[in-house]
Amino acid sequence: MSRTQRDPGVAAVLSFFIPGVGQFYNGAFLRGLFWLVVTPGLWIGSAGTLGWMFHIAAAYTAYRYAARRSG
Protein backbone atom coordinates (compact mmCIF):
# COMPACT_ATOMS: atom_id res chain seq x y z
CA MET A 1 0.00 0.00 0.00
CA SER A 2 1.56 3.30 -1.03
CA ARG A 3 0.82 6.65 0.53
CA THR A 4 0.56 9.71 -1.64
CA GLN A 5 2.97 12.40 -0.50
CA ARG A 6 1.40 15.76 0.15
CA ASP A 7 3.13 19.12 0.01
CA PRO A 8 3.18 20.61 3.53
CA GLY A 9 3.17 24.17 2.17
CA VAL A 10 0.01 23.57 0.14
CA ALA A 11 -1.68 21.96 3.15
CA ALA A 12 -0.81 24.95 5.34
CA VAL A 13 -2.06 27.53 2.85
CA LEU A 14 -5.30 25.66 2.25
CA SER A 15 -5.98 25.39 5.96
CA PHE A 16 -5.04 29.00 6.60
CA PHE A 17 -7.66 30.30 4.19
CA ILE A 18 -10.34 27.71 5.03
CA PRO A 19 -9.58 25.80 8.25
CA GLY A 20 -9.90 22.08 7.68
CA VAL A 21 -9.29 22.04 3.93
CA GLY A 22 -5.57 21.37 4.42
CA GLN A 23 -6.46 18.39 6.60
CA PHE A 24 -8.84 17.15 3.87
CA TYR A 25 -5.97 17.55 1.39
CA ASN A 26 -3.83 15.38 3.68
CA GLY A 27 -6.54 12.72 3.86
CA ALA A 28 -7.34 13.38 7.55
CA PHE A 29 -11.09 13.87 7.15
CA LEU A 30 -12.08 13.81 10.83
CA ARG A 31 -9.39 16.36 11.68
CA GLY A 32 -10.57 18.53 8.80
CA LEU A 33 -14.16 18.31 9.94
CA PHE A 34 -13.11 19.32 13.46
CA TRP A 35 -11.33 22.47 12.23
CA LEU A 36 -14.11 23.28 9.78
CA VAL A 37 -16.74 23.22 12.53
CA VAL A 38 -14.84 24.61 15.52
CA THR A 39 -13.12 27.62 13.91
CA PRO A 40 -16.28 29.45 12.74
CA GLY A 41 -17.82 28.87 16.16
CA LEU A 42 -14.83 30.49 17.82
CA TRP A 43 -14.92 33.40 15.37
CA ILE A 44 -18.51 34.10 16.39
CA GLY A 45 -18.13 33.26 20.07
CA SER A 46 -15.04 35.37 20.68
CA ALA A 47 -15.73 38.26 18.29
CA GLY A 48 -12.76 37.19 16.15
CA THR A 49 -9.97 36.91 18.69
CA LEU A 50 -9.85 33.12 18.92
CA GLY A 51 -10.78 32.77 15.27
CA TRP A 52 -7.38 34.09 14.14
CA MET A 53 -5.57 31.87 16.59
CA PHE A 54 -7.40 28.82 15.31
CA HIS A 55 -6.77 29.76 11.67
CA ILE A 56 -3.04 29.74 12.42
CA ALA A 57 -3.30 26.53 14.47
CA ALA A 58 -5.20 24.80 11.66
CA ALA A 59 -2.52 25.81 9.15
CA TYR A 60 0.28 24.68 11.46
CA THR A 61 -1.29 21.28 12.18
CA ALA A 62 -1.95 20.67 8.47
CA TYR A 63 1.68 21.52 7.71
CA ARG A 64 3.04 19.26 10.46
CA TYR A 65 0.79 16.35 9.49
CA ALA A 66 1.88 16.54 5.83
CA ALA A 67 5.54 16.92 6.79
CA ARG A 68 5.44 13.86 9.07
CA ARG A 69 3.76 11.71 6.44
CA SER A 70 6.15 12.72 3.65
CA GLY A 71 9.27 12.36 5.77
PDB file of N, CA and C in Angstrom:
ATOM      1  N   MET A   1       0.848  -1.171   0.000  1.00  0.00           N
ATOM      2  CA  MET A   1       0.000   0.000   0.000  1.00  0.00           C
ATOM      3  C   MET A   1       0.894   1.235   0.000  1.00  0.00           C
ATOM      4  N   SER A   2       0.736   2.105  -0.976  1.00  0.00           N
ATOM      5  CA  SER A   2       1.563   3.295  -1.031  1.00  0.00           C
ATOM      6  C   SER A   2       0.769   4.522  -0.606  1.00  0.00           C
ATOM      7  N   ARG A   3       1.452   5.399   0.098  1.00  0.00           N
ATOM      8  CA  ARG A   3       0.817   6.654   0.531  1.00  0.00           C
ATOM      9  C   ARG A   3       1.231   7.751  -0.426  1.00  0.00           C
ATOM     10  N   THR A   4       0.270   8.578  -0.785  1.00  0.00           N
ATOM     11  CA  THR A   4       0.565   9.713  -1.636  1.00  0.00           C
ATOM     12  C   THR A   4       1.192  10.801  -0.792  1.00  0.00           C
ATOM     13  N   GLN A   5       2.310  11.325  -1.244  1.00  0.00           N
ATOM     14  CA  GLN A   5       2.968  12.395  -0.503  1.00  0.00           C
ATOM     15  C   GLN A   5       2.265  13.710  -0.787  1.00  0.00           C
ATOM     16  N   ARG A   6       2.051  14.463   0.250  1.00  0.00           N
ATOM     17  CA  ARG A   6       1.396  15.761   0.149  1.00  0.00           C
ATOM     18  C   ARG A   6       2.388  16.859   0.469  1.00  0.00           C
ATOM     19  N   ASP A   7       2.255  17.977  -0.208  1.00  0.00           N
ATOM     20  CA  ASP A   7       3.131  19.118   0.013  1.00  0.00           C
ATOM     21  C   ASP A   7       2.692  19.857   1.278  1.00  0.00           C
ATOM     22  N   PRO A   8       3.550  19.932   2.290  1.00  0.00           N
ATOM     23  CA  PRO A   8       3.183  20.606   3.533  1.00  0.00           C
ATOM     24  C   PRO A   8       2.810  22.075   3.340  1.00  0.00           C
ATOM     25  N   GLY A   9       3.475  22.764   2.421  1.00  0.00           N
ATOM     26  CA  GLY A   9       3.168  24.170   2.169  1.00  0.00           C
ATOM     27  C   GLY A   9       1.762  24.359   1.624  1.00  0.00           C
ATOM     28  N   VAL A  10       1.364  23.495   0.703  1.00  0.00           N
ATOM     29  CA  VAL A  10       0.013  23.568   0.139  1.00  0.00           C
ATOM     30  C   VAL A  10      -1.013  23.289   1.233  1.00  0.00           C
ATOM     31  N   ALA A  11      -0.753  22.291   2.059  1.00  0.00           N
ATOM     32  CA  ALA A  11      -1.676  21.963   3.148  1.00  0.00           C
ATOM     33  C   ALA A  11      -1.845  23.142   4.097  1.00  0.00           C
ATOM     34  N   ALA A  12      -0.751  23.810   4.419  1.00  0.00           N
ATOM     35  CA  ALA A  12      -0.811  24.947   5.341  1.00  0.00           C
ATOM     36  C   ALA A  12      -1.598  26.105   4.746  1.00  0.00           C
ATOM     37  N   VAL A  13      -1.346  26.417   3.484  1.00  0.00           N
ATOM     38  CA  VAL A  13      -2.055  27.531   2.848  1.00  0.00           C
ATOM     39  C   VAL A  13      -3.542  27.234   2.734  1.00  0.00           C
ATOM     40  N   LEU A  14      -3.888  26.031   2.344  1.00  0.00           N
ATOM     41  CA  LEU A  14      -5.299  25.662   2.245  1.00  0.00           C
ATOM     42  C   LEU A  14      -5.999  25.815   3.592  1.00  0.00           C
ATOM     43  N   SER A  15      -5.362  25.319   4.640  1.00  0.00           N
ATOM     44  CA  SER A  15      -5.979  25.394   5.960  1.00  0.00           C
ATOM     45  C   SER A  15      -5.960  26.797   6.537  1.00  0.00           C
ATOM     46  N   PHE A  16      -5.037  27.625   6.111  1.00  0.00           N
ATOM     47  CA  PHE A  16      -5.043  29.000   6.602  1.00  0.00           C
ATOM     48  C   PHE A  16      -6.253  29.752   6.061  1.00  0.00           C
ATOM     49  N   PHE A  17      -6.539  29.571   4.786  1.00  0.00           N
ATOM     50  CA  PHE A  17      -7.663  30.297   4.194  1.00  0.00           C
ATOM     51  C   PHE A  17      -9.013  29.701   4.571  1.00  0.00           C
ATOM     52  N   ILE A  18      -9.106  28.381   4.593  1.00  0.00           N
ATOM     53  CA  ILE A  18     -10.337  27.713   5.032  1.00  0.00           C
ATOM     54  C   ILE A  18      -9.912  26.583   5.969  1.00  0.00           C
ATOM     55  N   PRO A  19     -10.021  26.821   7.282  1.00  0.00           N
ATOM     56  CA  PRO A  19      -9.578  25.804   8.248  1.00  0.00           C
ATOM     57  C   PRO A  19     -10.246  24.455   7.990  1.00  0.00           C
ATOM     58  N   GLY A  20      -9.415  23.432   7.918  1.00  0.00           N
ATOM     59  CA  GLY A  20      -9.902  22.080   7.683  1.00  0.00           C
ATOM     60  C   GLY A  20      -9.618  21.581   6.280  1.00  0.00           C
ATOM     61  N   VAL A  21      -9.509  22.468   5.313  1.00  0.00           N
ATOM     62  CA  VAL A  21      -9.285  22.040   3.931  1.00  0.00           C
ATOM     63  C   VAL A  21      -7.893  21.437   3.765  1.00  0.00           C
ATOM     64  N   GLY A  22      -6.909  21.956   4.472  1.00  0.00           N
ATOM     65  CA  GLY A  22      -5.571  21.365   4.421  1.00  0.00           C
ATOM     66  C   GLY A  22      -5.549  19.959   4.991  1.00  0.00           C
ATOM     67  N   GLN A  23      -6.355  19.728   6.029  1.00  0.00           N
ATOM     68  CA  GLN A  23      -6.457  18.390   6.595  1.00  0.00           C
ATOM     69  C   GLN A  23      -7.160  17.453   5.609  1.00  0.00           C
ATOM     70  N   PHE A  24      -8.191  17.951   4.914  1.00  0.00           N
ATOM     71  CA  PHE A  24      -8.836  17.149   3.872  1.00  0.00           C
ATOM     72  C   PHE A  24      -7.829  16.798   2.783  1.00  0.00           C
ATOM     73  N   TYR A  25      -7.030  17.757   2.387  1.00  0.00           N
ATOM     74  CA  TYR A  25      -5.974  17.548   1.388  1.00  0.00           C
ATOM     75  C   TYR A  25      -5.014  16.441   1.841  1.00  0.00           C
ATOM     76  N   ASN A  26      -4.723  16.406   3.133  1.00  0.00           N
ATOM     77  CA  ASN A  26      -3.830  15.383   3.684  1.00  0.00           C
ATOM     78  C   ASN A  26      -4.501  14.029   3.830  1.00  0.00           C
ATOM     79  N   GLY A  27      -5.816  13.978   3.693  1.00  0.00           N
ATOM     80  CA  GLY A  27      -6.538  12.720   3.862  1.00  0.00           C
ATOM     81  C   GLY A  27      -7.017  12.497   5.279  1.00  0.00           C
ATOM     82  N   ALA A  28      -6.899  13.482   6.145  1.00  0.00           N
ATOM     83  CA  ALA A  28      -7.337  13.383   7.546  1.00  0.00           C
ATOM     84  C   ALA A  28      -8.724  14.032   7.658  1.00  0.00           C
ATOM     85  N   PHE A  29      -9.755  13.302   7.268  1.00  0.00           N
ATOM     86  CA  PHE A  29     -11.091  13.867   7.150  1.00  0.00           C
ATOM     87  C   PHE A  29     -11.710  14.251   8.487  1.00  0.00           C
ATOM     88  N   LEU A  30     -11.516  13.454   9.520  1.00  0.00           N
ATOM     89  CA  LEU A  30     -12.082  13.811  10.832  1.00  0.00           C
ATOM     90  C   LEU A  30     -11.400  15.049  11.407  1.00  0.00           C
ATOM     91  N   ARG A  31     -10.106  15.157  11.231  1.00  0.00           N
ATOM     92  CA  ARG A  31      -9.389  16.364  11.680  1.00  0.00           C
ATOM     93  C   ARG A  31      -9.888  17.589  10.915  1.00  0.00           C
ATOM     94  N   GLY A  32     -10.078  17.434   9.619  1.00  0.00           N
ATOM     95  CA  GLY A  32     -10.568  18.526   8.801  1.00  0.00           C
ATOM     96  C   GLY A  32     -11.968  18.958   9.214  1.00  0.00           C
ATOM     97  N   LEU A  33     -12.807  18.002   9.495  1.00  0.00           N
ATOM     98  CA  LEU A  33     -14.162  18.310   9.942  1.00  0.00           C
ATOM     99  C   LEU A  33     -14.141  19.051  11.269  1.00  0.00           C
ATOM    100  N   PHE A  34     -13.257  18.632  12.170  1.00  0.00           N
ATOM    101  CA  PHE A  34     -13.110  19.321  13.455  1.00  0.00           C
ATOM    102  C   PHE A  34     -12.785  20.795  13.247  1.00  0.00           C
ATOM    103  N   TRP A  35     -11.743  21.076  12.451  1.00  0.00           N
ATOM    104  CA  TRP A  35     -11.332  22.467  12.226  1.00  0.00           C
ATOM    105  C   TRP A  35     -12.400  23.255  11.493  1.00  0.00           C
ATOM    106  N   LEU A  36     -13.081  22.602  10.558  1.00  0.00           N
ATOM    107  CA  LEU A  36     -14.107  23.280   9.776  1.00  0.00           C
ATOM    108  C   LEU A  36     -15.306  23.675  10.616  1.00  0.00           C
ATOM    109  N   VAL A  37     -15.600  22.926  11.661  1.00  0.00           N
ATOM    110  CA  VAL A  37     -16.740  23.217  12.532  1.00  0.00           C
ATOM    111  C   VAL A  37     -16.350  24.140  13.689  1.00  0.00           C
ATOM    112  N   VAL A  38     -15.225  23.881  14.312  1.00  0.00           N
ATOM    113  CA  VAL A  38     -14.835  24.612  15.520  1.00  0.00           C
ATOM    114  C   VAL A  38     -14.413  26.053  15.225  1.00  0.00           C
ATOM    115  N   THR A  39     -13.646  26.273  14.177  1.00  0.00           N
ATOM    116  CA  THR A  39     -13.115  27.616  13.912  1.00  0.00           C
ATOM    117  C   THR A  39     -14.206  28.669  13.705  1.00  0.00           C
ATOM    118  N   PRO A  40     -15.227  28.424  12.874  1.00  0.00           N
ATOM    119  CA  PRO A  40     -16.275  29.453  12.744  1.00  0.00           C
ATOM    120  C   PRO A  40     -17.008  29.723  14.059  1.00  0.00           C
ATOM    121  N   GLY A  41     -17.182  28.684  14.856  1.00  0.00           N
ATOM    122  CA  GLY A  41     -17.817  28.871  16.162  1.00  0.00           C
ATOM    123  C   GLY A  41     -16.996  29.774  17.065  1.00  0.00           C
ATOM    124  N   LEU A  42     -15.689  29.633  17.008  1.00  0.00           N
ATOM    125  CA  LEU A  42     -14.825  30.490  17.816  1.00  0.00           C
ATOM    126  C   LEU A  42     -14.764  31.914  17.268  1.00  0.00           C
ATOM    127  N   TRP A  43     -14.858  32.051  15.952  1.00  0.00           N
ATOM    128  CA  TRP A  43     -14.924  33.403  15.372  1.00  0.00           C
ATOM    129  C   TRP A  43     -16.135  34.138  15.937  1.00  0.00           C
ATOM    130  N   ILE A  44     -17.264  33.471  15.928  1.00  0.00           N
ATOM    131  CA  ILE A  44     -18.509  34.097  16.390  1.00  0.00           C
ATOM    132  C   ILE A  44     -18.496  34.272  17.900  1.00  0.00           C
ATOM    133  N   GLY A  45     -18.089  33.237  18.610  1.00  0.00           N
ATOM    134  CA  GLY A  45     -18.128  33.257  20.066  1.00  0.00           C
ATOM    135  C   GLY A  45     -17.158  34.216  20.726  1.00  0.00           C
ATOM    136  N   SER A  46     -16.049  34.513  20.060  1.00  0.00           N
ATOM    137  CA  SER A  46     -15.040  35.374  20.678  1.00  0.00           C
ATOM    138  C   SER A  46     -14.877  36.703  19.954  1.00  0.00           C
ATOM    139  N   ALA A  47     -15.795  37.023  19.079  1.00  0.00           N
ATOM    140  CA  ALA A  47     -15.729  38.257  18.292  1.00  0.00           C
ATOM    141  C   ALA A  47     -14.431  38.352  17.479  1.00  0.00           C
ATOM    142  N   GLY A  48     -13.917  37.216  17.034  1.00  0.00           N
ATOM    143  CA  GLY A  48     -12.760  37.195  16.147  1.00  0.00           C
ATOM    144  C   GLY A  48     -11.421  36.884  16.770  1.00  0.00           C
ATOM    145  N   THR A  49     -11.283  37.094  18.060  1.00  0.00           N
ATOM    146  CA  THR A  49      -9.973  36.906  18.695  1.00  0.00           C
ATOM    147  C   THR A  49      -9.474  35.468  18.570  1.00  0.00           C
ATOM    148  N   LEU A  50     -10.273  34.516  19.002  1.00  0.00           N
ATOM    149  CA  LEU A  50      -9.853  33.118  18.924  1.00  0.00           C
ATOM    150  C   LEU A  50      -9.912  32.581  17.501  1.00  0.00           C
ATOM    151  N   GLY A  51     -10.704  33.206  16.654  1.00  0.00           N
ATOM    152  CA  GLY A  51     -10.785  32.774  15.267  1.00  0.00           C
ATOM    153  C   GLY A  51      -9.445  32.847  14.573  1.00  0.00           C
ATOM    154  N   TRP A  52      -8.705  33.956  14.747  1.00  0.00           N
ATOM    155  CA  TRP A  52      -7.384  34.087  14.139  1.00  0.00           C
ATOM    156  C   TRP A  52      -6.411  33.061  14.684  1.00  0.00           C
ATOM    157  N   MET A  53      -6.476  32.846  15.978  1.00  0.00           N
ATOM    158  CA  MET A  53      -5.568  31.866  16.586  1.00  0.00           C
ATOM    159  C   MET A  53      -5.821  30.468  16.020  1.00  0.00           C
ATOM    160  N   PHE A  54      -7.077  30.140  15.821  1.00  0.00           N
ATOM    161  CA  PHE A  54      -7.398  28.815  15.307  1.00  0.00           C
ATOM    162  C   PHE A  54      -7.115  28.696  13.817  1.00  0.00           C
ATOM    163  N   HIS A  55      -7.185  29.787  13.073  1.00  0.00           N
ATOM    164  CA  HIS A  55      -6.765  29.755  11.670  1.00  0.00           C
ATOM    165  C   HIS A  55      -5.286  29.395  11.596  1.00  0.00           C
ATOM    166  N   ILE A  56      -4.484  30.015  12.412  1.00  0.00           N
ATOM    167  CA  ILE A  56      -3.043  29.743  12.424  1.00  0.00           C
ATOM    168  C   ILE A  56      -2.767  28.322  12.920  1.00  0.00           C
ATOM    169  N   ALA A  57      -3.482  27.891  13.952  1.00  0.00           N
ATOM    170  CA  ALA A  57      -3.301  26.535  14.473  1.00  0.00           C
ATOM    171  C   ALA A  57      -3.702  25.488  13.435  1.00  0.00           C
ATOM    172  N   ALA A  58      -4.764  25.737  12.700  1.00  0.00           N
ATOM    173  CA  ALA A  58      -5.196  24.795  11.660  1.00  0.00           C
ATOM    174  C   ALA A  58      -4.136  24.686  10.569  1.00  0.00           C
ATOM    175  N   ALA A  59      -3.572  25.813  10.170  1.00  0.00           N
ATOM    176  CA  ALA A  59      -2.523  25.805   9.147  1.00  0.00           C
ATOM    177  C   ALA A  59      -1.279  25.070   9.651  1.00  0.00           C
ATOM    178  N   TYR A  60      -0.901  25.321  10.881  1.00  0.00           N
ATOM    179  CA  TYR A  60       0.277  24.676  11.461  1.00  0.00           C
ATOM    180  C   TYR A  60       0.086  23.159  11.558  1.00  0.00           C
ATOM    181  N   THR A  61      -1.075  22.721  12.039  1.00  0.00           N
ATOM    182  CA  THR A  61      -1.294  21.278  12.180  1.00  0.00           C
ATOM    183  C   THR A  61      -1.355  20.589  10.820  1.00  0.00           C
ATOM    184  N   ALA A  62      -1.925  21.248   9.812  1.00  0.00           N
ATOM    185  CA  ALA A  62      -1.945  20.665   8.467  1.00  0.00           C
ATOM    186  C   ALA A  62      -0.526  20.535   7.928  1.00  0.00           C
ATOM    187  N   TYR A  63       0.289  21.556   8.159  1.00  0.00           N
ATOM    188  CA  TYR A  63       1.679  21.521   7.715  1.00  0.00           C
ATOM    189  C   TYR A  63       2.439  20.377   8.398  1.00  0.00           C
ATOM    190  N   ARG A  64       2.312  20.298   9.705  1.00  0.00           N
ATOM    191  CA  ARG A  64       3.042  19.260  10.464  1.00  0.00           C
ATOM    192  C   ARG A  64       2.602  17.858  10.063  1.00  0.00           C
ATOM    193  N   TYR A  65       1.304  17.668   9.870  1.00  0.00           N
ATOM    194  CA  TYR A  65       0.787  16.351   9.486  1.00  0.00           C
ATOM    195  C   TYR A  65       1.344  15.931   8.121  1.00  0.00           C
ATOM    196  N   ALA A  66       1.346  16.853   7.160  1.00  0.00           N
ATOM    197  CA  ALA A  66       1.877  16.536   5.831  1.00  0.00           C
ATOM    198  C   ALA A  66       3.385  16.295   5.884  1.00  0.00           C
ATOM    199  N   ALA A  67       4.087  17.088   6.684  1.00  0.00           N
ATOM    200  CA  ALA A  67       5.541  16.925   6.792  1.00  0.00           C
ATOM    201  C   ALA A  67       5.912  15.583   7.424  1.00  0.00           C
ATOM    202  N   ARG A  68       5.162  15.160   8.434  1.00  0.00           N
ATOM    203  CA  ARG A  68       5.443  13.859   9.067  1.00  0.00           C
ATOM    204  C   ARG A  68       5.182  12.710   8.108  1.00  0.00           C
ATOM    205  N   ARG A  69       4.114  12.796   7.343  1.00  0.00           N
ATOM    206  CA  ARG A  69       3.761  11.709   6.435  1.00  0.00           C
ATOM    207  C   ARG A  69       4.686  11.622   5.240  1.00  0.00           C
ATOM    208  N   SER A  70       5.271  12.767   4.827  1.00  0.00           N
ATOM    209  CA  SER A  70       6.149  12.722   3.653  1.00  0.00           C
ATOM    210  C   SER A  70       7.591  12.427   4.036  1.00  0.00           C
ATOM    211  N   GLY A  71       7.895  12.519   5.317  1.00  0.00           N
ATOM    212  CA  GLY A  71       9.265  12.357   5.772  1.00  0.00           C
ATOM    213  C   GLY A  71       9.666  10.949   5.898  1.00  0.00           C
TER     214      GLY A  71
END
